[in-house]
PDB file of all heavy atoms in Angstrom:
ATOM      1  N   THR A   1     112.899 -62.363  22.228  1.00  0.00           N
ATOM      2  CA  THR A   1     112.552 -61.188  22.965  1.00  0.00           C
ATOM      3  C   THR A   1     113.750 -60.297  23.177  1.00  0.00           C
ATOM      4  O   THR A   1     113.606 -59.042  23.353  1.00  0.00           O
ATOM      5  CB  THR A   1     112.064 -61.607  24.342  1.00  0.00           C
ATOM      6  OG1 THR A   1     113.042 -62.427  25.005  1.00  0.00           O
ATOM      7  CG2 THR A   1     110.723 -62.303  24.295  1.00  0.00           C
ATOM      8  N   PHE A   2     115.022 -60.819  23.054  1.00  0.00           N
ATOM      9  CA  PHE A   2     116.204 -60.088  23.124  1.00  0.00           C
ATOM     10  C   PHE A   2     116.919 -59.943  21.785  1.00  0.00           C
ATOM     11  O   PHE A   2     117.574 -58.947  21.543  1.00  0.00           O
ATOM     12  CB  PHE A   2     117.216 -60.674  24.120  1.00  0.00           C
ATOM     13  CG  PHE A   2     116.651 -60.737  25.535  1.00  0.00           C
ATOM     14  CD1 PHE A   2     116.066 -61.843  26.089  1.00  0.00           C
ATOM     15  CD2 PHE A   2     116.701 -59.601  26.358  1.00  0.00           C
ATOM     16  CE1 PHE A   2     115.616 -61.878  27.358  1.00  0.00           C
ATOM     17  CE2 PHE A   2     116.167 -59.583  27.655  1.00  0.00           C
ATOM     18  CZ  PHE A   2     115.657 -60.750  28.130  1.00  0.00           C
ATOM     19  N   THR A   3     116.748 -60.927  20.922  1.00  0.00           N
ATOM     20  CA  THR A   3     117.451 -60.866  19.554  1.00  0.00           C
ATOM     21  C   THR A   3     116.729 -60.088  18.555  1.00  0.00           C
ATOM     22  O   THR A   3     117.371 -59.544  17.695  1.00  0.00           O
ATOM     23  CB  THR A   3     117.706 -62.250  19.127  1.00  0.00           C
ATOM     24  OG1 THR A   3     116.509 -62.993  18.992  1.00  0.00           O
ATOM     25  CG2 THR A   3     118.593 -63.100  20.064  1.00  0.00           C
ATOM     26  N   ASP A   4     115.414 -60.020  18.668  1.00  0.00           N
ATOM     27  CA  ASP A   4     114.572 -59.269  17.665  1.00  0.00           C
ATOM     28  C   ASP A   4     114.451 -57.867  18.203  1.00  0.00           C
ATOM     29  O   ASP A   4     113.347 -57.363  18.325  1.00  0.00           O
ATOM     30  CB  ASP A   4     113.234 -59.895  17.517  1.00  0.00           C
ATOM     31  CG  ASP A   4     112.480 -59.415  16.194  1.00  0.00           C
ATOM     32  OD1 ASP A   4     113.182 -58.869  15.374  1.00  0.00           O
ATOM     33  OD2 ASP A   4     111.248 -59.605  16.153  1.00  0.00           O
ATOM     34  N   THR A   5     115.584 -57.180  18.435  1.00  0.00           N
ATOM     35  CA  THR A   5     115.592 -55.736  18.840  1.00  0.00           C
ATOM     36  C   THR A   5     116.636 -55.039  18.106  1.00  0.00           C
ATOM     37  O   THR A   5     117.477 -55.526  17.430  1.00  0.00           O
ATOM     38  CB  THR A   5     115.913 -55.715  20.326  1.00  0.00           C
ATOM     39  OG1 THR A   5     117.257 -56.355  20.572  1.00  0.00           O
ATOM     40  CG2 THR A   5     114.914 -56.473  21.220  1.00  0.00           C
ATOM     41  N   ILE A   6     116.506 -53.739  18.198  1.00  0.00           N
ATOM     42  CA  ILE A   6     117.485 -52.862  17.424  1.00  0.00           C
ATOM     43  C   ILE A   6     118.835 -53.032  17.978  1.00  0.00           C
ATOM     44  O   ILE A   6     119.918 -53.087  17.237  1.00  0.00           O
ATOM     45  CB  ILE A   6     117.019 -51.313  17.531  1.00  0.00           C
ATOM     46  CG1 ILE A   6     115.682 -51.147  16.899  1.00  0.00           C
ATOM     47  CG2 ILE A   6     118.075 -50.498  16.882  1.00  0.00           C
ATOM     48  CD1 ILE A   6     115.229 -49.769  16.928  1.00  0.00           C
ATOM     49  N   PHE A   7     118.995 -53.152  19.334  1.00  0.00           N
ATOM     50  CA  PHE A   7     120.296 -53.278  19.952  1.00  0.00           C
ATOM     51  C   PHE A   7     121.064 -54.563  19.493  1.00  0.00           C
ATOM     52  O   PHE A   7     122.238 -54.467  19.084  1.00  0.00           O
ATOM     53  CB  PHE A   7     120.217 -53.341  21.455  1.00  0.00           C
ATOM     54  CG  PHE A   7     121.504 -53.512  22.184  1.00  0.00           C
ATOM     55  CD1 PHE A   7     122.432 -52.614  22.269  1.00  0.00           C
ATOM     56  CD2 PHE A   7     121.881 -54.800  22.712  1.00  0.00           C
ATOM     57  CE1 PHE A   7     123.712 -52.728  22.891  1.00  0.00           C
ATOM     58  CE2 PHE A   7     123.040 -55.062  23.323  1.00  0.00           C
ATOM     59  CZ  PHE A   7     123.971 -54.059  23.502  1.00  0.00           C
ATOM     60  N   TYR A   8     120.343 -55.643  19.495  1.00  0.00           N
ATOM     61  CA  TYR A   8     120.984 -56.955  19.050  1.00  0.00           C
ATOM     62  C   TYR A   8     121.399 -56.743  17.588  1.00  0.00           C
ATOM     63  O   TYR A   8     122.489 -57.293  17.179  1.00  0.00           O
ATOM     64  CB  TYR A   8     120.092 -58.112  19.304  1.00  0.00           C
ATOM     65  CG  TYR A   8     120.718 -59.438  19.034  1.00  0.00           C
ATOM     66  CD1 TYR A   8     121.398 -60.081  19.975  1.00  0.00           C
ATOM     67  CD2 TYR A   8     120.530 -59.980  17.729  1.00  0.00           C
ATOM     68  CE1 TYR A   8     122.053 -61.414  19.671  1.00  0.00           C
ATOM     69  CE2 TYR A   8     121.195 -61.229  17.476  1.00  0.00           C
ATOM     70  CZ  TYR A   8     121.862 -61.897  18.381  1.00  0.00           C
ATOM     71  OH  TYR A   8     122.440 -63.142  18.146  1.00  0.00           O
ATOM     72  N   GLU A   9     120.460 -56.387  16.720  1.00  0.00           N
ATOM     73  CA  GLU A   9     120.745 -56.433  15.282  1.00  0.00           C
ATOM     74  C   GLU A   9     121.756 -55.399  14.855  1.00  0.00           C
ATOM     75  O   GLU A   9     122.479 -55.593  13.850  1.00  0.00           O
ATOM     76  CB  GLU A   9     119.478 -56.210  14.444  1.00  0.00           C
ATOM     77  CG  GLU A   9     118.430 -57.315  14.735  1.00  0.00           C
ATOM     78  CD  GLU A   9     117.257 -57.156  13.867  1.00  0.00           C
ATOM     79  OE1 GLU A   9     117.159 -56.018  13.254  1.00  0.00           O
ATOM     80  OE2 GLU A   9     116.376 -58.011  13.786  1.00  0.00           O
ATOM     81  N   ARG A  10     121.928 -54.304  15.643  1.00  0.00           N
ATOM     82  CA  ARG A  10     122.806 -53.201  15.238  1.00  0.00           C
ATOM     83  C   ARG A  10     124.155 -53.250  15.981  1.00  0.00           C
ATOM     84  O   ARG A  10     125.184 -52.855  15.384  1.00  0.00           O
ATOM     85  CB  ARG A  10     122.106 -51.790  15.416  1.00  0.00           C
ATOM     86  CG  ARG A  10     120.997 -51.568  14.532  1.00  0.00           C
ATOM     87  CD  ARG A  10     121.537 -51.223  13.131  1.00  0.00           C
ATOM     88  NE  ARG A  10     120.434 -51.024  12.196  1.00  0.00           N
ATOM     89  CZ  ARG A  10     120.601 -50.563  10.963  1.00  0.00           C
ATOM     90  NH1 ARG A  10     121.697 -50.248  10.503  1.00  0.00           N
ATOM     91  NH2 ARG A  10     119.412 -50.439  10.166  1.00  0.00           N
ATOM     92  N   SER A  11     124.163 -53.661  17.235  1.00  0.00           N
ATOM     93  CA  SER A  11     125.325 -53.530  18.053  1.00  0.00           C
ATOM     94  C   SER A  11     126.073 -54.833  18.232  1.00  0.00           C
ATOM     95  O   SER A  11     127.293 -54.885  18.246  1.00  0.00           O
ATOM     96  CB  SER A  11     124.966 -52.951  19.414  1.00  0.00           C
ATOM     97  OG  SER A  11     124.467 -51.645  19.271  1.00  0.00           O
ATOM     98  N   VAL A  12     125.304 -55.816  18.477  1.00  0.00           N
ATOM     99  CA  VAL A  12     126.030 -57.236  18.733  1.00  0.00           C
ATOM    100  C   VAL A  12     126.893 -57.709  17.598  1.00  0.00           C
ATOM    101  O   VAL A  12     128.009 -58.114  17.871  1.00  0.00           O
ATOM    102  CB  VAL A  12     124.957 -58.203  19.129  1.00  0.00           C
ATOM    103  CG1 VAL A  12     125.660 -59.659  19.189  1.00  0.00           C
ATOM    104  CG2 VAL A  12     124.230 -57.879  20.386  1.00  0.00           C
ATOM    105  N   PRO A  13     126.474 -57.523  16.301  1.00  0.00           N
ATOM    106  CA  PRO A  13     127.309 -57.922  15.239  1.00  0.00           C
ATOM    107  C   PRO A  13     128.660 -57.222  15.147  1.00  0.00           C
ATOM    108  O   PRO A  13     129.692 -57.611  14.583  1.00  0.00           O
ATOM    109  CB  PRO A  13     126.514 -57.633  14.053  1.00  0.00           C
ATOM    110  CG  PRO A  13     125.041 -57.777  14.460  1.00  0.00           C
ATOM    111  CD  PRO A  13     125.155 -57.140  15.838  1.00  0.00           C
ATOM    112  N   LEU A  14     128.708 -55.948  15.857  1.00  0.00           N
ATOM    113  CA  LEU A  14     129.936 -55.271  15.800  1.00  0.00           C
ATOM    114  C   LEU A  14     131.129 -55.950  16.555  1.00  0.00           C
ATOM    115  O   LEU A  14     132.336 -55.827  16.208  1.00  0.00           O
ATOM    116  CB  LEU A  14     129.722 -53.811  16.464  1.00  0.00           C
ATOM    117  CG  LEU A  14     128.822 -52.875  15.655  1.00  0.00           C
ATOM    118  CD1 LEU A  14     128.727 -51.574  16.477  1.00  0.00           C
ATOM    119  CD2 LEU A  14     129.352 -52.585  14.320  1.00  0.00           C
ATOM    120  N   LEU A  15     130.736 -56.784  17.562  1.00  0.00           N
ATOM    121  CA  LEU A  15     131.662 -57.505  18.310  1.00  0.00           C
ATOM    122  C   LEU A  15     132.453 -58.560  17.430  1.00  0.00           C
ATOM    123  O   LEU A  15     133.501 -58.977  17.859  1.00  0.00           O
ATOM    124  CB  LEU A  15     130.915 -58.178  19.514  1.00  0.00           C
ATOM    125  CG  LEU A  15     130.340 -57.198  20.499  1.00  0.00           C
ATOM    126  CD1 LEU A  15     129.649 -57.957  21.624  1.00  0.00           C
ATOM    127  CD2 LEU A  15     131.402 -56.208  21.066  1.00  0.00           C
ATOM    128  N   ARG A  16     131.777 -59.023  16.410  1.00  0.00           N
ATOM    129  CA  ARG A  16     132.465 -59.918  15.487  1.00  0.00           C
ATOM    130  C   ARG A  16     132.901 -59.227  14.162  1.00  0.00           C
ATOM    131  O   ARG A  16     133.048 -59.846  13.168  1.00  0.00           O
ATOM    132  CB  ARG A  16     131.621 -61.149  15.174  1.00  0.00           C
ATOM    133  CG  ARG A  16     130.249 -60.790  14.437  1.00  0.00           C
ATOM    134  CD  ARG A  16     129.500 -62.095  14.173  1.00  0.00           C
ATOM    135  NE  ARG A  16     128.263 -61.808  13.428  1.00  0.00           N
ATOM    136  CZ  ARG A  16     127.042 -61.661  13.996  1.00  0.00           C
ATOM    137  NH1 ARG A  16     126.958 -61.873  15.339  1.00  0.00           N
ATOM    138  NH2 ARG A  16     125.935 -61.456  13.322  1.00  0.00           N
ATOM    139  N   LEU A  17     133.001 -57.900  14.231  1.00  0.00           N
ATOM    140  CA  LEU A  17     133.471 -57.007  13.119  1.00  0.00           C
ATOM    141  C   LEU A  17     132.607 -57.140  11.980  1.00  0.00           C
ATOM    142  O   LEU A  17     133.061 -57.005  10.823  1.00  0.00           O
ATOM    143  CB  LEU A  17     134.899 -57.428  12.753  1.00  0.00           C
ATOM    144  CG  LEU A  17     136.005 -57.275  13.874  1.00  0.00           C
ATOM    145  CD1 LEU A  17     137.356 -57.724  13.331  1.00  0.00           C
ATOM    146  CD2 LEU A  17     136.029 -55.895  14.449  1.00  0.00           C
ATOM    147  N   ASP A  18     131.305 -57.256  12.166  1.00  0.00           N
ATOM    148  CA  ASP A  18     130.251 -57.258  11.128  1.00  0.00           C
ATOM    149  C   ASP A  18     129.571 -55.981  11.172  1.00  0.00           C
ATOM    150  O   ASP A  18     128.736 -55.727  12.015  1.00  0.00           O
ATOM    151  CB  ASP A  18     129.244 -58.401  11.337  1.00  0.00           C
ATOM    152  CG  ASP A  18     128.275 -58.441  10.060  1.00  0.00           C
ATOM    153  OD1 ASP A  18     128.501 -57.702   9.135  1.00  0.00           O
ATOM    154  OD2 ASP A  18     127.340 -59.210  10.267  1.00  0.00           O
ATOM    155  N   PHE A  19     130.052 -54.942  10.283  1.00  0.00           N
ATOM    156  CA  PHE A  19     129.530 -53.578  10.443  1.00  0.00           C
ATOM    157  C   PHE A  19     128.212 -53.422   9.693  1.00  0.00           C
ATOM    158  O   PHE A  19     127.540 -52.404   9.931  1.00  0.00           O
ATOM    159  CB  PHE A  19     130.511 -52.660   9.936  1.00  0.00           C
ATOM    160  CG  PHE A  19     131.809 -52.742  10.677  1.00  0.00           C
ATOM    161  CD1 PHE A  19     132.891 -53.322  10.131  1.00  0.00           C
ATOM    162  CD2 PHE A  19     131.965 -52.077  11.953  1.00  0.00           C
ATOM    163  CE1 PHE A  19     134.143 -53.401  10.879  1.00  0.00           C
ATOM    164  CE2 PHE A  19     133.204 -52.158  12.631  1.00  0.00           C
ATOM    165  CZ  PHE A  19     134.227 -52.797  12.088  1.00  0.00           C
ATOM    166  N   GLY A  20     127.870 -54.374   8.805  1.00  0.00           N
ATOM    167  CA  GLY A  20     126.597 -54.290   8.100  1.00  0.00           C
ATOM    168  C   GLY A  20     126.521 -53.186   7.061  1.00  0.00           C
ATOM    169  O   GLY A  20     127.538 -52.738   6.594  1.00  0.00           O
ATOM    170  N   LEU A  21     125.248 -52.640   6.836  1.00  0.00           N
ATOM    171  CA  LEU A  21     125.013 -51.630   5.953  1.00  0.00           C
ATOM    172  C   LEU A  21     124.644 -50.352   6.637  1.00  0.00           C
ATOM    173  O   LEU A  21     123.969 -50.424   7.685  1.00  0.00           O
ATOM    174  CB  LEU A  21     123.951 -52.039   4.883  1.00  0.00           C
ATOM    175  CG  LEU A  21     124.232 -53.298   4.073  1.00  0.00           C
ATOM    176  CD1 LEU A  21     123.131 -53.661   3.165  1.00  0.00           C
ATOM    177  CD2 LEU A  21     125.447 -53.153   3.185  1.00  0.00           C
ATOM    178  N   SER A  22     124.954 -49.258   6.034  1.00  0.00           N
ATOM    179  CA  SER A  22     124.488 -47.932   6.548  1.00  0.00           C
ATOM    180  C   SER A  22     122.938 -47.711   6.179  1.00  0.00           C
ATOM    181  O   SER A  22     122.382 -48.478   5.470  1.00  0.00           O
ATOM    182  CB  SER A  22     125.378 -46.756   6.006  1.00  0.00           C
ATOM    183  OG  SER A  22     125.199 -46.687   4.599  1.00  0.00           O
ATOM    184  N   ASP A  23     122.419 -46.648   6.728  1.00  0.00           N
ATOM    185  CA  ASP A  23     121.052 -46.309   6.408  1.00  0.00           C
ATOM    186  C   ASP A  23     120.867 -45.980   4.939  1.00  0.00           C
ATOM    187  O   ASP A  23     119.791 -45.966   4.326  1.00  0.00           O
ATOM    188  CB  ASP A  23     120.544 -45.222   7.295  1.00  0.00           C
ATOM    189  CG  ASP A  23     120.470 -45.602   8.673  1.00  0.00           C
ATOM    190  OD1 ASP A  23     120.327 -46.838   8.987  1.00  0.00           O
ATOM    191  OD2 ASP A  23     120.600 -44.640   9.624  1.00  0.00           O
ATOM    192  N   GLN A  24     121.998 -45.595   4.300  1.00  0.00           N
ATOM    193  CA  GLN A  24     121.841 -45.301   2.808  1.00  0.00           C
ATOM    194  C   GLN A  24     122.192 -46.542   1.968  1.00  0.00           C
ATOM    195  O   GLN A  24     122.291 -46.446   0.729  1.00  0.00           O
ATOM    196  CB  GLN A  24     122.884 -44.209   2.501  1.00  0.00           C
ATOM    197  CG  GLN A  24     122.562 -42.870   3.018  1.00  0.00           C
ATOM    198  CD  GLN A  24     122.767 -42.720   4.423  1.00  0.00           C
ATOM    199  OE1 GLN A  24     123.596 -43.407   5.094  1.00  0.00           O
ATOM    200  NE2 GLN A  24     121.929 -41.855   5.072  1.00  0.00           N
ATOM    201  N   GLY A  25     122.397 -47.762   2.592  1.00  0.00           N
ATOM    202  CA  GLY A  25     122.582 -48.990   1.793  1.00  0.00           C
ATOM    203  C   GLY A  25     123.966 -49.192   1.467  1.00  0.00           C
ATOM    204  O   GLY A  25     124.262 -50.147   0.668  1.00  0.00           O
ATOM    205  N   GLN A  26     124.968 -48.492   2.016  1.00  0.00           N
ATOM    206  CA  GLN A  26     126.462 -48.628   1.653  1.00  0.00           C
ATOM    207  C   GLN A  26     127.001 -49.706   2.699  1.00  0.00           C
ATOM    208  O   GLN A  26     126.663 -49.719   3.766  1.00  0.00           O
ATOM    209  CB  GLN A  26     127.104 -47.355   1.796  1.00  0.00           C
ATOM    210  CG  GLN A  26     126.624 -46.226   0.803  1.00  0.00           C
ATOM    211  CD  GLN A  26     127.269 -44.963   1.031  1.00  0.00           C
ATOM    212  OE1 GLN A  26     127.945 -44.727   1.933  1.00  0.00           O
ATOM    213  NE2 GLN A  26     127.156 -44.072   0.010  1.00  0.00           N
ATOM    214  N   ASP A  27     127.997 -50.373   2.102  1.00  0.00           N
ATOM    215  CA  ASP A  27     128.709 -51.400   2.908  1.00  0.00           C
ATOM    216  C   ASP A  27     129.740 -50.594   3.775  1.00  0.00           C
ATOM    217  O   ASP A  27     130.655 -50.020   3.337  1.00  0.00           O
ATOM    218  CB  ASP A  27     129.454 -52.382   1.970  1.00  0.00           C
ATOM    219  CG  ASP A  27     130.034 -53.551   2.848  1.00  0.00           C
ATOM    220  OD1 ASP A  27     129.930 -53.552   4.102  1.00  0.00           O
ATOM    221  OD2 ASP A  27     130.681 -54.456   2.209  1.00  0.00           O
ATOM    222  N   ILE A  28     129.539 -50.706   5.087  1.00  0.00           N
ATOM    223  CA  ILE A  28     130.325 -49.939   6.072  1.00  0.00           C
ATOM    224  C   ILE A  28     131.692 -50.424   6.056  1.00  0.00           C
ATOM    225  O   ILE A  28     132.706 -49.675   6.121  1.00  0.00           O
ATOM    226  CB  ILE A  28     129.726 -49.859   7.419  1.00  0.00           C
ATOM    227  CG1 ILE A  28     128.299 -49.216   7.423  1.00  0.00           C
ATOM    228  CG2 ILE A  28     130.576 -49.186   8.396  1.00  0.00           C
ATOM    229  CD1 ILE A  28     127.608 -49.244   8.733  1.00  0.00           C
ATOM    230  N   ALA A  29     131.845 -51.745   6.058  1.00  0.00           N
ATOM    231  CA  ALA A  29     133.192 -52.398   6.002  1.00  0.00           C
ATOM    232  C   ALA A  29     134.023 -51.960   4.863  1.00  0.00           C
ATOM    233  O   ALA A  29     135.245 -51.637   4.924  1.00  0.00           O
ATOM    234  CB  ALA A  29     133.180 -53.844   6.165  1.00  0.00           C
ATOM    235  N   TYR A  30     133.343 -51.820   3.650  1.00  0.00           N
ATOM    236  CA  TYR A  30     134.024 -51.426   2.507  1.00  0.00           C
ATOM    237  C   TYR A  30     134.427 -49.882   2.591  1.00  0.00           C
ATOM    238  O   TYR A  30     135.590 -49.508   2.223  1.00  0.00           O
ATOM    239  CB  TYR A  30     133.193 -51.487   1.306  1.00  0.00           C
ATOM    240  CG  TYR A  30     133.725 -51.036  -0.052  1.00  0.00           C
ATOM    241  CD1 TYR A  30     134.765 -51.671  -0.679  1.00  0.00           C
ATOM    242  CD2 TYR A  30     133.303 -49.786  -0.546  1.00  0.00           C
ATOM    243  CE1 TYR A  30     135.229 -51.160  -1.910  1.00  0.00           C
ATOM    244  CE2 TYR A  30     133.790 -49.279  -1.695  1.00  0.00           C
ATOM    245  CZ  TYR A  30     134.762 -50.002  -2.405  1.00  0.00           C
ATOM    246  OH  TYR A  30     135.333 -49.493  -3.550  1.00  0.00           O
ATOM    247  N   GLN A  31     133.583 -49.061   3.156  1.00  0.00           N
ATOM    248  CA  GLN A  31     133.962 -47.683   3.397  1.00  0.00           C
ATOM    249  C   GLN A  31     135.133 -47.501   4.378  1.00  0.00           C
ATOM    250  O   GLN A  31     136.014 -46.627   4.117  1.00  0.00           O
ATOM    251  CB  GLN A  31     132.716 -46.941   3.931  1.00  0.00           C
ATOM    252  CG  GLN A  31     131.484 -46.948   2.968  1.00  0.00           C
ATOM    253  CD  GLN A  31     131.821 -46.242   1.694  1.00  0.00           C
ATOM    254  OE1 GLN A  31     132.538 -45.189   1.682  1.00  0.00           O
ATOM    255  NE2 GLN A  31     131.160 -46.672   0.556  1.00  0.00           N
ATOM    256  N   ILE A  32     135.212 -48.327   5.392  1.00  0.00           N
ATOM    257  CA  ILE A  32     136.302 -48.309   6.277  1.00  0.00           C
ATOM    258  C   ILE A  32     137.564 -48.628   5.621  1.00  0.00           C
ATOM    259  O   ILE A  32     138.694 -48.007   5.768  1.00  0.00           O
ATOM    260  CB  ILE A  32     136.011 -49.164   7.524  1.00  0.00           C
ATOM    261  CG1 ILE A  32     134.821 -48.621   8.366  1.00  0.00           C
ATOM    262  CG2 ILE A  32     137.318 -49.282   8.367  1.00  0.00           C
ATOM    263  CD1 ILE A  32     134.437 -49.536   9.555  1.00  0.00           C
ATOM    264  N   LYS A  33     137.556 -49.749   4.788  1.00  0.00           N
ATOM    265  CA  LYS A  33     138.762 -50.167   4.086  1.00  0.00           C
ATOM    266  C   LYS A  33     139.275 -49.073   3.090  1.00  0.00           C
ATOM    267  O   LYS A  33     140.422 -48.839   2.961  1.00  0.00           O
ATOM    268  CB  LYS A  33     138.462 -51.421   3.332  1.00  0.00           C
ATOM    269  CG  LYS A  33     138.259 -52.650   4.201  1.00  0.00           C
ATOM    270  CD  LYS A  33     137.967 -53.861   3.369  1.00  0.00           C
ATOM    271  CE  LYS A  33     137.677 -55.082   4.224  1.00  0.00           C
ATOM    272  NZ  LYS A  33     137.358 -56.271   3.496  1.00  0.00           N
ATOM    273  N   GLN A  34     138.282 -48.350   2.505  1.00  0.00           N
ATOM    274  CA  GLN A  34     138.690 -47.273   1.558  1.00  0.00           C
ATOM    275  C   GLN A  34     139.401 -46.126   2.283  1.00  0.00           C
ATOM    276  O   GLN A  34     140.262 -45.475   1.705  1.00  0.00           O
ATOM    277  CB  GLN A  34     137.461 -46.783   0.822  1.00  0.00           C
ATOM    278  CG  GLN A  34     136.829 -47.714  -0.141  1.00  0.00           C
ATOM    279  CD  GLN A  34     137.799 -48.016  -1.309  1.00  0.00           C
ATOM    280  OE1 GLN A  34     138.415 -49.042  -1.469  1.00  0.00           O
ATOM    281  NE2 GLN A  34     137.840 -47.077  -2.257  1.00  0.00           N
ATOM    282  N   ARG A  35     139.005 -45.845   3.444  1.00  0.00           N
ATOM    283  CA  ARG A  35     139.522 -44.652   4.189  1.00  0.00           C
ATOM    284  C   ARG A  35     140.564 -44.979   5.251  1.00  0.00           C
ATOM    285  O   ARG A  35     141.186 -44.182   5.800  1.00  0.00           O
ATOM    286  CB  ARG A  35     138.353 -43.961   4.851  1.00  0.00           C
ATOM    287  CG  ARG A  35     137.444 -43.318   3.987  1.00  0.00           C
ATOM    288  CD  ARG A  35     136.133 -43.018   4.587  1.00  0.00           C
ATOM    289  NE  ARG A  35     135.278 -42.186   3.702  1.00  0.00           N
ATOM    290  CZ  ARG A  35     134.494 -42.739   2.690  1.00  0.00           C
ATOM    291  NH1 ARG A  35     134.617 -44.034   2.443  1.00  0.00           N
ATOM    292  NH2 ARG A  35     133.764 -41.914   1.887  1.00  0.00           N
ATOM    293  N   MET A  36     140.848 -46.363   5.437  1.00  0.00           N
ATOM    294  CA  MET A  36     141.823 -46.647   6.541  1.00  0.00           C
ATOM    295  C   MET A  36     143.222 -46.428   6.087  1.00  0.00           C
ATOM    296  O   MET A  36     143.959 -46.074   6.912  1.00  0.00           O
ATOM    297  CB  MET A  36     141.600 -48.180   6.822  1.00  0.00           C
ATOM    298  CG  MET A  36     142.461 -48.761   7.882  1.00  0.00           C
ATOM    299  SD  MET A  36     142.017 -50.463   8.321  1.00  0.00           S
ATOM    300  CE  MET A  36     142.245 -51.282   6.832  1.00  0.00           C
ATOM    301  N   GLY A  37     143.517 -46.562   4.824  1.00  0.00           N
ATOM    302  CA  GLY A  37     144.906 -46.345   4.402  1.00  0.00           C
ATOM    303  C   GLY A  37     145.402 -44.910   4.631  1.00  0.00           C
ATOM    304  O   GLY A  37     146.397 -44.725   5.261  1.00  0.00           O
TER     305      GLY A  37
END
């Protein structure tokens, strides 16, 4: 009832640095690494 929600699937993984995929299917962590330098 709490885990099968948009907030849990989209926001909670950010606390463990799991950024997931964007709406266009791109790896967000990879995009951050490319632009972080």
